[in-house]
Amino acid sequence: MNCRIFRSDRKSEAYLYLVSEMDFEDLPEELRTAFGDPGLVMTLDLTPVSKLARVDVKKVLKCLEEDGFYLQLPPKLPVEAEISKWMA
């Protein structure tokens, strides 16, 4: 499934996956307001075997199919703590 990934200008490490057929303006107003101005990061063709750094690709694909978008929120741990967790 082809999607575009946007970075939030309001929330550090928040990303929005949006199916290519949708525009940012098609999203609920509350989400657009909270997310802020979207900055395009990349375009991906996701499959069930794709690898994503912080989220389960199957969950993303399901949301894209059902809602047309997936909102990835920042991790609960700081990046440094997350990295050290995997290094232990």
C-alpha atoms as a PDB file:
ATOM      1  CA  MET A   1       0.000   0.000   0.000  1.00  0.00           C
ATOM      2  CA  ASN A   2       1.462   3.321  -1.057  1.00  0.00           C
ATOM      3  CA  CYS A   3       1.490   5.997   1.633  1.00  0.00           C
ATOM      4  CA  ARG A   4       3.113   9.304   2.474  1.00  0.00           C
ATOM      5  CA  ILE A   5       4.660   9.999   5.866  1.00  0.00           C
ATOM      6  CA  PHE A   6       4.517  13.483   7.374  1.00  0.00           C
ATOM      7  CA  ARG A   7       6.306  14.986  10.382  1.00  0.00           C
ATOM      8  CA  SER A   8       4.420  17.225  12.801  1.00  0.00           C
ATOM      9  CA  ASP A   9       5.714  20.744  13.353  1.00  0.00           C
ATOM     10  CA  ARG A  10       4.003  20.845  16.766  1.00  0.00           C
ATOM     11  CA  LYS A  11       4.894  17.536  18.372  1.00  0.00           C
ATOM     12  CA  SER A  12       8.424  16.198  18.229  1.00  0.00           C
ATOM     13  CA  GLU A  13       8.614  12.624  16.898  1.00  0.00           C
ATOM     14  CA  ALA A  14       4.949  12.527  15.841  1.00  0.00           C
ATOM     15  CA  TYR A  15       4.372  11.168  12.343  1.00  0.00           C
ATOM     16  CA  LEU A  16       1.287  10.753  10.210  1.00  0.00           C
ATOM     17  CA  TYR A  17       1.015   7.949   7.653  1.00  0.00           C
ATOM     18  CA  LEU A  18      -1.511   8.896   4.977  1.00  0.00           C
ATOM     19  CA  VAL A  19      -2.677   6.776   2.041  1.00  0.00           C
ATOM     20  CA  SER A  20      -1.634   8.376  -1.227  1.00  0.00           C
ATOM     21  CA  GLU A  21      -5.241   8.874  -2.328  1.00  0.00           C
ATOM     22  CA  MET A  22      -6.011  11.132   0.665  1.00  0.00           C
ATOM     23  CA  ASP A  23      -5.057  14.731   1.259  1.00  0.00           C
ATOM     24  CA  PHE A  24      -4.206  16.208   4.643  1.00  0.00           C
ATOM     25  CA  GLU A  25      -7.362  18.352   4.350  1.00  0.00           C
ATOM     26  CA  ASP A  26      -9.468  15.150   4.246  1.00  0.00           C
ATOM     27  CA  LEU A  27      -8.536  14.358   7.865  1.00  0.00           C
ATOM     28  CA  PRO A  28     -10.717  15.397  10.818  1.00  0.00           C
ATOM     29  CA  GLU A  29     -10.193  19.050  11.703  1.00  0.00           C
ATOM     30  CA  GLU A  30      -9.246  18.222  15.302  1.00  0.00           C
ATOM     31  CA  LEU A  31      -6.407  15.976  14.104  1.00  0.00           C
ATOM     32  CA  ARG A  32      -5.159  18.563  11.588  1.00  0.00           C
ATOM     33  CA  THR A  33      -5.147  21.272  14.253  1.00  0.00           C
ATOM     34  CA  ALA A  34      -3.315  19.130  16.822  1.00  0.00           C
ATOM     35  CA  PHE A  35      -0.791  17.854  14.250  1.00  0.00           C
ATOM     36  CA  GLY A  36       0.046  21.274  12.815  1.00  0.00           C
ATOM     37  CA  ASP A  37       1.638  21.888   9.441  1.00  0.00           C
ATOM     38  CA  PRO A  38       2.683  18.570   7.909  1.00  0.00           C
ATOM     39  CA  GLY A  39       6.187  18.226   6.533  1.00  0.00           C
ATOM     40  CA  LEU A  40       6.592  15.429   4.000  1.00  0.00           C
ATOM     41  CA  VAL A  41       9.280  13.000   5.139  1.00  0.00           C
ATOM     42  CA  MET A  42       8.959  10.229   2.550  1.00  0.00           C
ATOM     43  CA  THR A  43       6.719   8.063   0.431  1.00  0.00           C
ATOM     44  CA  LEU A  44       6.657   4.305   1.084  1.00  0.00           C
ATOM     45  CA  ASP A  45       5.061   1.248  -0.438  1.00  0.00           C
ATOM     46  CA  LEU A  46       4.169  -0.743   2.685  1.00  0.00           C
ATOM     47  CA  THR A  47       3.620  -4.500   2.678  1.00  0.00           C
ATOM     48  CA  PRO A  48       3.013  -6.919   5.572  1.00  0.00           C
ATOM     49  CA  VAL A  49       6.738  -7.821   5.495  1.00  0.00           C
ATOM     50  CA  SER A  50       7.983  -4.204   5.529  1.00  0.00           C
ATOM     51  CA  LYS A  51      10.010  -3.143   8.557  1.00  0.00           C
ATOM     52  CA  LEU A  52       9.260   0.063  10.462  1.00  0.00           C
ATOM     53  CA  ALA A  53      11.436   1.367  13.289  1.00  0.00           C
ATOM     54  CA  ARG A  54       8.848   2.012  16.016  1.00  0.00           C
ATOM     55  CA  VAL A  55       5.513   0.590  14.965  1.00  0.00           C
ATOM     56  CA  ASP A  56       4.082  -2.718  13.809  1.00  0.00           C
ATOM     57  CA  VAL A  57       3.604  -2.514  10.047  1.00  0.00           C
ATOM     58  CA  LYS A  58       0.494  -4.722  10.231  1.00  0.00           C
ATOM     59  CA  LYS A  59      -1.147  -2.252  12.619  1.00  0.00           C
ATOM     60  CA  VAL A  60      -0.259   0.629  10.296  1.00  0.00           C
ATOM     61  CA  LEU A  61      -1.623  -1.209   7.256  1.00  0.00           C
ATOM     62  CA  LYS A  62      -4.876  -2.019   9.064  1.00  0.00           C
ATOM     63  CA  CYS A  63      -5.381   1.641  10.023  1.00  0.00           C
ATOM     64  CA  LEU A  64      -4.532   2.788   6.506  1.00  0.00           C
ATOM     65  CA  GLU A  65      -7.084   0.374   5.043  1.00  0.00           C
ATOM     66  CA  GLU A  66      -9.818   1.261   7.551  1.00  0.00           C
ATOM     67  CA  ASP A  67      -9.249   4.980   8.174  1.00  0.00           C
ATOM     68  CA  GLY A  68      -6.854   6.123   5.470  1.00  0.00           C
ATOM     69  CA  PHE A  69      -4.288   7.286   8.043  1.00  0.00           C
ATOM     70  CA  TYR A  70      -2.187   6.205  11.021  1.00  0.00           C
ATOM     71  CA  LEU A  71      -0.882   8.590  13.683  1.00  0.00           C
ATOM     72  CA  GLN A  72       2.448   7.558  15.218  1.00  0.00           C
ATOM     73  CA  LEU A  73       2.945   9.311  18.546  1.00  0.00           C
ATOM     74  CA  PRO A  74       6.318   9.853  20.228  1.00  0.00           C
ATOM     75  CA  PRO A  75       7.679   6.984  22.306  1.00  0.00           C
ATOM     76  CA  LYS A  76       7.052   7.104  26.044  1.00  0.00           C
ATOM     77  CA  LEU A  77      10.759   6.723  26.712  1.00  0.00           C
ATOM     78  CA  PRO A  78      13.353   9.230  25.523  1.00  0.00           C
ATOM     79  CA  VAL A  79      15.287   8.002  22.499  1.00  0.00           C
ATOM     80  CA  GLU A  80      18.415   7.432  24.597  1.00  0.00           C
ATOM     81  CA  ALA A  81      16.539   5.238  27.092  1.00  0.00           C
ATOM     82  CA  GLU A  82      14.927   3.303  24.265  1.00  0.00           C
ATOM     83  CA  ILE A  83      18.328   2.655  22.660  1.00  0.00           C
ATOM     84  CA  SER A  84      19.940   1.569  25.946  1.00  0.00           C
ATOM     85  CA  LYS A  85      17.019  -0.828  26.542  1.00  0.00           C
ATOM     86  CA  TRP A  86      17.920  -2.649  23.312  1.00  0.00           C
ATOM     87  CA  MET A  87      21.654  -2.575  24.010  1.00  0.00           C
ATOM     88  CA  ALA A  88      21.335  -4.364  27.380  1.00  0.00           C
END
